[in-house]
Protein backbone atom coordinates (compact mmCIF):
# COMPACT_ATOMS: atom_id res chain seq x y z
CA UNK A 1 0.68 23.86 -46.45
CA UNK A 2 -2.48 23.04 -44.89
CA UNK A 3 -2.05 19.38 -45.39
CA UNK A 4 1.71 19.61 -43.82
CA UNK A 5 0.09 21.63 -40.86
CA UNK A 6 -2.57 18.83 -40.19
CA UNK A 7 0.02 15.93 -40.59
CA UNK A 8 2.37 17.61 -37.91
CA UNK A 9 -0.74 17.95 -35.58
CA UNK A 10 -1.69 14.50 -36.15
CA UNK A 11 1.73 13.08 -35.09
CA UNK A 12 2.08 15.20 -32.29
CA UNK A 13 -1.47 14.32 -30.87
CA UNK A 14 0.10 10.40 -31.43
CA UNK A 15 3.10 11.23 -29.62
CA UNK A 16 1.17 12.91 -26.79
CA UNK A 17 -0.89 9.97 -26.34
CA UNK A 18 1.86 7.44 -26.13
CA UNK A 19 3.51 9.92 -23.51
CA UNK A 20 0.16 9.91 -21.68
CA UNK A 21 0.38 6.23 -21.57
CA UNK A 22 3.68 6.65 -19.98
CA UNK A 23 2.35 9.28 -17.62
CA UNK A 24 -0.50 6.69 -16.51
CA UNK A 25 2.24 3.58 -16.03
CA UNK A 26 4.38 6.06 -13.99
CA UNK A 27 1.57 7.14 -11.82
CA UNK A 28 0.65 3.20 -11.29
CA UNK A 29 4.15 2.38 -10.58
CA UNK A 30 4.28 5.17 -8.07
CA UNK A 31 1.41 3.94 -6.04
CA UNK A 32 2.50 0.44 -6.38
CA UNK A 33 6.12 0.69 -5.91
CA UNK A 34 7.13 3.55 -3.62
CA UNK A 35 4.05 4.49 -1.35
CA UNK A 36 0.88 2.20 -1.44
CA UNK A 37 2.05 -1.50 -1.45
CA UNK A 38 5.70 -1.56 -2.19
CA UNK A 39 6.81 0.14 0.89
CA UNK A 40 4.40 -2.06 2.83
CA UNK A 41 5.55 -5.34 1.29
CA UNK A 42 9.25 -4.32 1.87
CA UNK A 43 8.71 -3.51 5.32
CA UNK A 44 6.78 -6.72 6.09
CA UNK A 45 9.40 -8.79 4.28
CA UNK A 46 12.13 -7.26 6.59
CA UNK A 47 9.69 -8.08 9.78
CA UNK A 48 9.45 -11.82 8.79
CA UNK A 49 5.82 -11.36 7.68
CA UNK A 50 3.89 -14.17 6.28
CA UNK A 51 3.22 -13.65 2.23
CA UNK A 52 4.61 -9.89 2.65
CA UNK A 53 4.40 -9.26 -0.93
CA UNK A 54 0.83 -10.64 -1.71
CA UNK A 55 -0.70 -7.00 -1.31
CA UNK A 56 1.60 -5.43 -3.88
CA UNK A 57 0.84 -8.32 -6.35
CA UNK A 58 -2.86 -8.16 -5.77
CA UNK A 59 -2.64 -4.24 -6.04
CA UNK A 60 -0.51 -4.58 -9.34
CA UNK A 61 -3.65 -5.69 -11.08
CA UNK A 62 -5.56 -2.92 -9.61
CA UNK A 63 -3.83 -0.09 -10.96
CA UNK A 64 -0.89 -0.53 -13.50
CA UNK A 65 -2.92 -1.61 -16.58
CA UNK A 66 -6.19 0.69 -15.92
CA UNK A 67 -3.91 3.73 -15.05
CA UNK A 68 -1.68 3.38 -18.18
CA UNK A 69 -4.75 2.87 -20.61
CA UNK A 70 -6.36 5.96 -18.82
CA UNK A 71 -3.24 7.96 -19.27
CA UNK A 72 -3.56 7.12 -23.09
CA UNK A 73 -7.09 7.81 -23.41
CA UNK A 74 -6.90 11.24 -21.48
CA UNK A 75 -4.93 13.01 -24.03
CA UNK A 76 -6.60 14.61 -26.99
CA UNK A 77 -8.73 17.93 -27.97
CA UNK A 78 -11.88 18.36 -26.00
CA UNK A 79 -11.00 15.77 -23.45
CA UNK A 80 -10.51 17.99 -20.67
CA UNK A 81 -13.70 17.41 -18.59
CA UNK A 82 -14.02 13.68 -19.52
CA UNK A 83 -10.32 13.09 -18.21
CA UNK A 84 -11.08 14.90 -15.09
CA UNK A 85 -14.15 13.00 -14.39
CA UNK A 86 -12.53 9.61 -15.49
CA UNK A 87 -9.50 10.16 -13.03
CA UNK A 88 -11.78 11.07 -10.25
CA UNK A 89 -13.65 7.88 -10.74
CA UNK A 90 -10.21 5.96 -11.02
CA UNK A 91 -9.16 7.36 -7.58
CA UNK A 92 -12.43 6.85 -5.96
CA UNK A 93 -11.89 3.13 -7.28
CA UNK A 94 -8.09 3.10 -6.10
CA UNK A 95 -8.91 3.86 -2.61
CA UNK A 96 -11.81 1.69 -2.25
CA UNK A 97 -9.65 -1.26 -3.77
CA UNK A 98 -6.88 -0.43 -1.49
CA UNK A 99 -9.18 -1.30 1.54
CA UNK A 100 -10.26 -4.65 -0.49
CA UNK A 101 -6.92 -5.80 -0.89
CA UNK A 102 -6.03 -5.43 2.67
CA UNK A 103 -8.89 -6.56 4.37
CA UNK A 104 -10.68 -8.95 2.01
CA UNK A 105 -8.40 -10.14 -0.91
CA UNK A 106 -5.12 -10.72 1.49
CA UNK A 107 -7.10 -13.31 3.83
CA UNK A 108 -8.10 -15.02 0.57
CA UNK A 109 -4.36 -15.25 -0.41
CA UNK A 110 -3.66 -16.74 2.93
CA UNK A 111 -6.11 -19.44 2.66
CA UNK A 112 -4.59 -20.45 -0.56
CA UNK A 113 -0.78 -20.08 -0.12
CA UNK A 114 -0.49 -20.21 3.69
CA UNK A 115 -3.46 -22.49 4.97
CA UNK A 116 -1.62 -23.33 8.17
CA UNK A 117 -1.78 -19.50 9.28
CA UNK A 118 -5.24 -18.77 7.71
CA UNK A 119 -6.77 -21.39 10.08
CA UNK A 120 -6.26 -18.74 12.82
CA UNK A 121 -7.11 -15.68 10.90
CA UNK A 122 -10.21 -13.94 10.92
CA UNK A 123 -10.67 -10.49 9.26
CA UNK A 124 -14.33 -8.65 9.45
CA UNK A 125 -14.78 -5.96 6.68
CA UNK A 126 -17.07 -3.80 9.33
CA UNK A 127 -17.23 -0.28 10.19
CA UNK A 128 -13.64 0.45 10.76
CA UNK A 129 -12.05 -1.00 7.50
CA UNK A 130 -15.13 0.28 5.40
CA UNK A 131 -14.65 3.66 6.95
CA UNK A 132 -10.86 3.56 6.15
CA UNK A 133 -11.87 2.65 2.61
CA UNK A 134 -14.03 5.65 2.42
CA UNK A 135 -11.50 8.12 3.71
CA UNK A 136 -8.96 6.38 1.09
CA UNK A 137 -11.37 6.84 -1.81
CA UNK A 138 -11.90 10.62 -0.88
CA UNK A 139 -8.07 11.28 -0.76
CA UNK A 140 -7.24 9.42 -3.75
CA UNK A 141 -10.14 10.80 -5.87
CA UNK A 142 -9.16 14.23 -4.96
CA UNK A 143 -5.38 13.82 -6.04
CA UNK A 144 -6.50 11.72 -9.20
CA UNK A 145 -8.90 14.72 -9.99
CA UNK A 146 -6.12 17.00 -10.14
CA UNK A 147 -4.13 14.77 -12.02
CA UNK A 148 -7.06 14.43 -14.75
CA UNK A 149 -7.04 18.20 -14.95
CA UNK A 150 -3.55 18.85 -15.52
CA UNK A 151 -2.63 15.73 -17.29
CA UNK A 152 -2.85 17.43 -20.88
CA UNK A 153 -1.05 20.33 -20.10
CA UNK A 154 1.97 18.34 -18.28
CA UNK A 155 2.35 15.91 -21.28
CA UNK A 156 2.43 18.97 -23.83
CA UNK A 157 5.08 20.62 -21.46
CA UNK A 158 6.97 17.71 -21.31
CA UNK A 159 7.13 16.97 -25.12
CA UNK A 160 8.05 20.49 -25.72
CA UNK A 161 10.31 21.25 -22.80
CA UNK A 162 13.57 22.44 -24.17
CA UNK A 163 15.81 21.63 -20.73
CA UNK A 164 16.08 18.50 -19.08
CA UNK A 165 15.46 20.44 -15.86
CA UNK A 166 11.87 21.43 -17.35
CA UNK A 167 11.01 17.72 -17.96
CA UNK A 168 12.10 16.77 -14.47
CA UNK A 169 10.02 19.37 -13.01
CA UNK A 170 6.96 18.23 -14.86
CA UNK A 171 7.62 14.49 -13.66
CA UNK A 172 7.86 15.63 -10.07
CA UNK A 173 4.66 17.58 -10.18
CA UNK A 174 3.04 14.49 -11.83
CA UNK A 175 4.65 11.83 -9.45
CA UNK A 176 4.17 14.14 -6.30
CA UNK A 177 0.06 13.78 -6.80
CA UNK A 178 0.43 9.94 -6.48
CA UNK A 179 2.78 10.06 -3.79
CA UNK A 180 0.30 12.06 -1.76
CA UNK A 181 -2.62 9.61 -2.58
CA UNK A 182 -0.28 6.58 -2.04
CA UNK A 183 0.51 7.88 1.34
CA UNK A 184 -2.96 8.28 2.36
CA UNK A 185 -3.76 4.61 1.28
CA UNK A 186 -0.82 3.43 3.42
CA UNK A 187 -1.55 5.44 6.37
CA UNK A 188 -5.42 4.66 6.50
CA UNK A 189 -5.17 0.87 5.21
CA UNK A 190 -1.92 -0.59 5.40
CA UNK A 191 -0.05 0.99 8.19
CA UNK A 192 -2.58 -0.23 10.96
CA UNK A 193 -1.92 -3.85 9.86
CA UNK A 194 1.85 -3.38 9.22
CA UNK A 195 3.02 -1.60 12.52
CA UNK A 196 1.77 -4.48 14.88
CA UNK A 197 3.58 -7.07 13.01
CA UNK A 198 6.89 -4.76 13.14
CA UNK A 199 6.45 -4.23 16.85
CA UNK A 200 6.12 -7.77 17.61
CA UNK A 201 9.04 -9.06 15.41
CA UNK A 202 11.28 -6.15 17.05
CA UNK A 203 10.21 -7.26 20.36
CA UNK A 204 11.30 -10.98 19.62
CA UNK A 205 14.65 -9.65 18.33
CA UNK A 206 15.23 -7.59 21.51
CA UNK A 207 14.39 -10.70 23.57
CA UNK A 208 16.84 -12.85 21.34
CA UNK A 209 19.49 -10.16 21.69
CA UNK A 210 20.43 -10.61 25.29
CA UNK A 211 18.65 -12.32 27.97
CA UNK A 212 19.90 -9.98 30.62
CA UNK A 213 18.22 -7.23 28.88
CA UNK A 214 14.98 -8.32 30.42
CA UNK A 215 15.96 -6.58 33.60
CA UNK A 216 16.54 -3.16 31.91
CA UNK A 217 14.23 -0.03 31.82
CA UNK A 218 14.16 -0.59 27.80
CA UNK A 219 12.62 -4.00 28.42
CA UNK A 220 9.80 -2.27 30.62
CA UNK A 221 9.26 0.43 27.96
CA UNK A 222 8.89 -1.93 25.40
CA UNK A 223 6.63 -4.39 27.48
CA UNK A 224 9.06 -7.32 26.68
CA UNK A 225 7.53 -9.32 29.37
CA UNK A 226 4.44 -10.09 27.31
CA UNK A 227 6.33 -12.51 25.35
CA UNK A 228 7.12 -14.69 28.27
CA UNK A 229 4.61 -17.47 27.24
CA UNK A 230 6.82 -18.00 24.06
CA UNK A 231 10.04 -17.86 25.79
CA UNK A 232 10.93 -21.46 25.00
CA UNK A 233 10.19 -21.04 21.25
CA UNK A 234 12.70 -18.09 20.61
CA UNK A 235 15.40 -20.16 19.37
CA UNK A 236 13.07 -21.36 16.41
CA UNK A 237 12.52 -19.31 13.34
CA UNK A 238 9.32 -17.07 13.33
CA UNK A 239 6.90 -15.72 10.91
CA UNK A 240 4.41 -13.14 11.63
CA UNK A 241 0.74 -12.01 10.24
CA UNK A 242 -2.02 -9.73 11.55
CA UNK A 243 -4.80 -12.53 12.61
CA UNK A 244 -7.61 -10.32 13.44
CA UNK A 245 -8.50 -6.79 14.84
CA UNK A 246 -11.44 -4.77 16.59
CA UNK A 247 -14.09 -3.03 14.79
CA UNK A 248 -12.09 0.24 14.67
CA UNK A 249 -8.80 -1.47 13.83
CA UNK A 250 -7.11 0.07 16.83
CA UNK A 251 -6.95 -3.33 18.92
CA UNK A 252 -4.97 -5.96 16.80
CA UNK A 253 -3.91 -9.37 17.09
CA UNK A 254 -0.66 -10.79 15.59
CA UNK A 255 -0.16 -14.54 14.83
CA UNK A 256 3.38 -15.65 15.43
CA UNK A 257 4.44 -19.14 13.86
CA UNK A 258 7.39 -20.65 15.54
CA UNK A 259 7.90 -23.50 13.26
CA UNK A 260 4.45 -24.81 13.77
CA UNK A 261 3.99 -23.63 17.37
CA UNK A 262 1.56 -20.88 17.36
CA UNK A 263 1.40 -17.73 19.53
CA UNK A 264 -1.00 -14.79 19.26
CA UNK A 265 -0.21 -11.19 20.50
CA UNK A 266 -2.64 -8.43 21.26
CA UNK A 267 -1.72 -4.95 20.76
CA UNK A 268 -3.60 -1.75 21.61
CA UNK A 269 -2.37 1.37 19.77
CA UNK A 270 0.59 -0.39 18.74
CA UNK A 271 1.69 -1.23 22.18
CA UNK A 272 1.78 -4.98 23.10
CA UNK A 273 -0.76 -5.84 25.88
CA UNK A 274 -0.34 -9.84 26.37
CA UNK A 275 0.45 -13.05 24.36
CA UNK A 276 -0.81 -16.42 24.46
CA UNK A 277 -0.16 -19.72 23.09
CA UNK A 278 -2.79 -21.20 20.83
CA UNK A 279 -1.68 -24.86 20.69
């Protein structure tokens, strides 16, 4: 009887570990695909961004395998405190790595796969990017710490759930923690480099839609006249990327490639101020 009980406990423990691995994979996938990098890549792709999925590819290496392994390791007797500490550390590193991906690794990718644009790009990892990395680390660390505290209970609850709704609720609680942390990463790190690209792309689309629209109130509100230096280039296909920013990442420069002709637009607080031809 005792042997049968130990065997059942062993099998349950092994099953829980595999479920823990799946929970870790789900955590990484949520960060990667839904909030932290997936939304950013999808939006930049729609906005004619240069290498729009580069950050998502770089981010995959940072979260998928490590969090899957951590999910597997977190399940087991007397691992509560260790699990919480490791998830806290993973959260802090994830927030810090998000800033590295955006402000350091992405320019490296541009230099290798888009060297024509990279020659105009200069990113500085100063007080603004580093401060955003710290805040992102704090936000992710808190959410991940809670995940480390509850993962054992959630895995056991998911395995023992009788009704599908119970399992769905368990997954909703788990995914919600990483939606929150991923939203923090996106808002602090990715959004300041994404919205200016969207703004200039929308402005170019507006200018292309109807030449007579330049005399409207909407054109004035959009500051559409800042693109006048590039008016002769509009028929060409365009691609965009952030080429630089000030130390607080509030004044951002967007590089526009009109099939080999280069224009740079400056925005302050997501509003275009002026554009100039670079060549």
